[in-house]
Amino acid sequence: MQYVVIYLHGFLSSPESQKATQTREFVRANYPDLTMEIPQLSNYPNDALRDIEVCIAKHKGKKLRFIGSSLGGFLSTFMVEKYSGKAVLINPAVRPFDLLKDFLGEHVNPYTQQHFTLQNKHIDELRRLDTTRLKPTSDYWVLLQTADETLDYRQAETKYHNYKLSIEQGGDHSFQDFQRFLPDIFRFLLQD
């Protein structure tokens, strides 16, 4: 059975982010036959969910694998719990509905230049996607750096304590030197 790896970027990000670009280039160089998707996700949760579902629908019958960064980690968790599969989560958002309350209002995505307005209804959409109980059959590897200036890494450490955790002192929300993990990430994702 074939695999599809779907990379989900974070809030105010895009497929052109540094980690997404590094991942795409790694796959081209090392797994040229692997199906890799890096969709541009909407800035609104329900629309982003629809973007991911469209991507998944194109790959019926393939084994789903996810790489999710920040809010993309939250969405990857939702997808693994819904469809099964595996995910590598990089400094994942655990409670984005709490965090993004401070971001209500007008924004411009720095990658796409798209203007959008984050409203309370979008916070409610995120809350409906929360996966408080993870299936024991799910398979996650969570990469955390303790000096993440955006998210408290301890939330993810608590939520994913039954799964593989790599916690590094220092770093930041972007997860410094992410690319050094790529060989191990793909070994993890592409084994059953």
Protein backbone atom coordinates (compact mmCIF):
# COMPACT_ATOMS: atom_id res chain seq x y z
CA MET A 1 0.00 0.00 0.00
CA GLN A 2 1.26 3.47 -0.85
CA TYR A 3 1.74 6.34 1.55
CA VAL A 4 0.76 9.97 1.28
CA VAL A 5 2.47 12.47 3.57
CA ILE A 6 0.45 15.62 4.18
CA TYR A 7 2.27 18.60 5.71
CA LEU A 8 -0.03 21.01 7.55
CA HIS A 9 1.35 24.47 8.25
CA GLY A 10 0.43 26.71 11.15
CA PHE A 11 -1.53 29.92 11.65
CA LEU A 12 -0.34 32.82 9.45
CA SER A 13 1.88 30.43 7.51
CA SER A 14 1.91 28.67 4.14
CA PRO A 15 3.48 25.88 2.05
CA GLU A 16 6.35 28.33 1.50
CA SER A 17 7.35 28.41 5.17
CA GLN A 18 10.87 27.35 6.01
CA LYS A 19 9.93 23.95 7.50
CA ALA A 20 7.53 23.15 4.65
CA THR A 21 10.19 24.06 2.09
CA GLN A 22 12.85 22.00 3.87
CA THR A 23 10.47 19.04 4.00
CA ARG A 24 9.56 19.33 0.31
CA GLU A 25 13.23 19.51 -0.71
CA PHE A 26 14.13 16.54 1.52
CA VAL A 27 11.41 14.41 -0.07
CA ARG A 28 12.48 15.37 -3.60
CA ALA A 29 16.07 14.39 -2.84
CA ASN A 30 15.45 11.23 -0.80
CA TYR A 31 11.96 9.89 -1.62
CA PRO A 32 11.25 11.02 -5.19
CA ASP A 33 8.41 8.49 -5.60
CA LEU A 34 6.63 9.45 -2.38
CA THR A 35 3.37 11.35 -2.66
CA MET A 36 3.73 14.56 -0.66
CA GLU A 37 1.03 17.18 -0.25
CA ILE A 38 1.48 20.62 1.31
CA PRO A 39 -1.88 22.34 0.90
CA GLN A 40 -2.38 26.05 1.42
CA LEU A 41 -4.78 26.04 4.35
CA SER A 42 -7.44 28.66 4.77
CA ASN A 43 -7.06 31.12 7.62
CA TYR A 44 -10.47 29.99 8.91
CA PRO A 45 -10.70 26.62 10.77
CA ASN A 46 -13.72 25.06 9.02
CA ASP A 47 -12.35 26.07 5.63
CA ALA A 48 -8.91 24.69 6.53
CA LEU A 49 -10.59 21.43 7.53
CA ARG A 50 -12.30 21.31 4.14
CA ASP A 51 -8.93 21.96 2.42
CA ILE A 52 -7.45 18.95 4.24
CA GLU A 53 -10.46 16.73 3.49
CA VAL A 54 -10.16 17.56 -0.23
CA CYS A 55 -6.49 16.60 -0.10
CA ILE A 56 -7.25 13.30 1.68
CA ALA A 57 -10.05 12.46 -0.79
CA LYS A 58 -7.54 12.55 -3.67
CA HIS A 59 -5.59 9.72 -2.04
CA LYS A 60 -8.19 7.09 -1.19
CA GLY A 61 -6.59 3.75 -0.36
CA LYS A 62 -3.23 5.23 0.64
CA LYS A 63 -1.82 5.19 4.15
CA LEU A 64 -2.17 8.65 5.67
CA ARG A 65 0.82 10.31 7.30
CA PHE A 66 0.90 13.86 8.63
CA ILE A 67 3.50 16.40 9.61
CA GLY A 68 1.94 19.30 11.47
CA SER A 69 3.49 22.48 12.79
CA SER A 70 1.79 24.54 15.52
CA LEU A 71 -1.89 24.85 14.50
CA GLY A 72 -1.09 22.28 11.81
CA GLY A 73 -0.19 19.90 14.65
CA PHE A 74 -3.62 20.43 16.18
CA LEU A 75 -5.27 19.74 12.81
CA SER A 76 -3.02 16.71 12.18
CA THR A 77 -4.14 15.24 15.50
CA PHE A 78 -7.78 15.68 14.51
CA MET A 79 -7.10 13.91 11.21
CA VAL A 80 -5.20 10.99 12.76
CA GLU A 81 -7.97 10.48 15.30
CA LYS A 82 -10.58 10.58 12.51
CA TYR A 83 -8.83 8.51 9.83
CA SER A 84 -6.00 6.74 11.73
CA GLY A 85 -2.43 6.92 10.50
CA LYS A 86 0.65 8.54 11.98
CA ALA A 87 1.80 12.08 12.62
CA VAL A 88 4.90 14.01 13.55
CA LEU A 89 3.92 17.16 15.41
CA ILE A 90 6.31 20.11 15.69
CA ASN A 91 5.61 22.42 18.64
CA PRO A 92 1.90 21.59 18.22
CA ALA A 93 -0.88 23.83 19.43
CA VAL A 94 -2.90 21.92 22.03
CA ARG A 95 -5.49 24.57 22.91
CA PRO A 96 -5.46 27.00 19.95
CA PHE A 97 -8.97 28.15 20.81
CA ASP A 98 -7.53 29.69 24.00
CA LEU A 99 -4.43 31.11 22.33
CA LEU A 100 -6.18 32.68 19.35
CA LYS A 101 -8.65 34.59 21.50
CA ASP A 102 -5.84 37.14 21.76
CA PHE A 103 -5.71 37.33 17.94
CA LEU A 104 -9.32 38.31 17.24
CA GLY A 105 -9.58 40.98 14.56
CA GLU A 106 -7.91 41.85 11.27
CA HIS A 107 -4.83 40.03 9.96
CA VAL A 108 -2.76 39.72 6.81
CA ASN A 109 -1.08 36.40 6.07
CA PRO A 110 2.57 37.40 5.49
CA TYR A 111 3.05 34.66 2.87
CA THR A 112 -0.14 35.02 0.84
CA GLN A 113 -0.98 38.67 1.58
CA GLN A 114 -4.55 37.52 2.16
CA HIS A 115 -6.56 39.78 4.48
CA PHE A 116 -8.92 38.08 6.90
CA THR A 117 -10.79 38.73 10.15
CA LEU A 118 -10.60 36.25 12.99
CA GLN A 119 -13.90 36.19 14.90
CA ASN A 120 -15.32 34.40 17.93
CA LYS A 121 -17.13 31.94 15.64
CA HIS A 122 -13.69 30.77 14.41
CA ILE A 123 -12.61 30.14 17.99
CA ASP A 124 -15.74 28.01 18.40
CA GLU A 125 -14.89 26.09 15.21
CA LEU A 126 -11.47 25.24 16.67
CA ARG A 127 -13.00 24.16 19.98
CA ARG A 128 -15.22 21.66 18.11
CA LEU A 129 -12.07 20.07 16.63
CA ASP A 130 -10.48 19.44 20.02
CA THR A 131 -9.43 15.83 20.61
CA THR A 132 -9.21 15.52 24.37
CA ARG A 133 -8.89 11.72 24.34
CA LEU A 134 -6.45 10.16 21.94
CA LYS A 135 -6.95 6.59 20.74
CA PRO A 136 -4.35 4.21 22.18
CA THR A 137 -3.86 2.90 18.63
CA SER A 138 -2.82 6.33 17.32
CA ASP A 139 0.85 6.92 16.60
CA TYR A 140 2.50 10.27 17.24
CA TRP A 141 5.99 11.66 17.53
CA VAL A 142 6.04 15.10 19.11
CA LEU A 143 9.01 17.46 18.73
CA LEU A 144 9.13 20.23 21.33
CA GLN A 145 11.53 23.02 22.19
CA THR A 146 11.17 24.45 25.68
CA ALA A 147 11.81 28.12 24.77
CA ASP A 148 8.83 28.23 22.39
CA GLU A 149 7.73 31.86 22.73
CA THR A 150 4.21 31.19 21.41
CA LEU A 151 3.07 27.95 23.06
CA ASP A 152 3.71 26.34 26.43
CA TYR A 153 5.45 23.10 25.44
CA ARG A 154 4.23 21.47 28.68
CA GLN A 155 0.67 21.34 27.31
CA ALA A 156 1.83 19.09 24.46
CA GLU A 157 4.09 17.12 26.79
CA THR A 158 1.03 16.36 28.94
CA LYS A 159 -1.38 15.59 26.09
CA TYR A 160 1.00 13.28 24.22
CA HIS A 161 2.73 11.70 27.23
CA ASN A 162 1.82 8.17 26.03
CA TYR A 163 3.57 8.70 22.69
CA LYS A 164 7.09 9.39 21.48
CA LEU A 165 8.35 12.77 22.73
CA SER A 166 11.56 14.61 21.86
CA ILE A 167 11.99 17.65 24.11
CA GLU A 168 14.94 19.97 23.58
CA GLN A 169 16.00 22.75 25.88
CA GLY A 170 15.96 26.20 24.30
CA GLY A 171 14.93 26.72 20.71
CA ASP A 172 11.84 28.64 19.70
CA HIS A 173 8.39 28.24 18.14
CA SER A 174 9.82 27.69 14.66
CA PHE A 175 11.75 24.68 16.06
CA GLN A 176 15.36 25.59 15.39
CA ASP A 177 17.34 23.28 13.12
CA PHE A 178 14.23 21.30 12.21
CA GLN A 179 15.85 19.86 9.06
CA ARG A 180 18.25 17.67 11.10
CA PHE A 181 15.22 15.58 12.14
CA LEU A 182 13.95 14.94 8.60
CA PRO A 183 15.69 11.56 8.03
CA ASP A 184 14.27 10.21 11.31
CA ILE A 185 10.85 11.78 10.69
CA PHE A 186 10.46 9.91 7.41
CA ARG A 187 11.77 6.66 8.85
CA PHE A 188 9.10 6.99 11.56
CA LEU A 189 6.30 7.89 9.15
CA LEU A 190 7.07 5.28 6.51
CA GLN A 191 7.21 2.22 8.71
CA ASP A 192 4.15 0.28 9.81
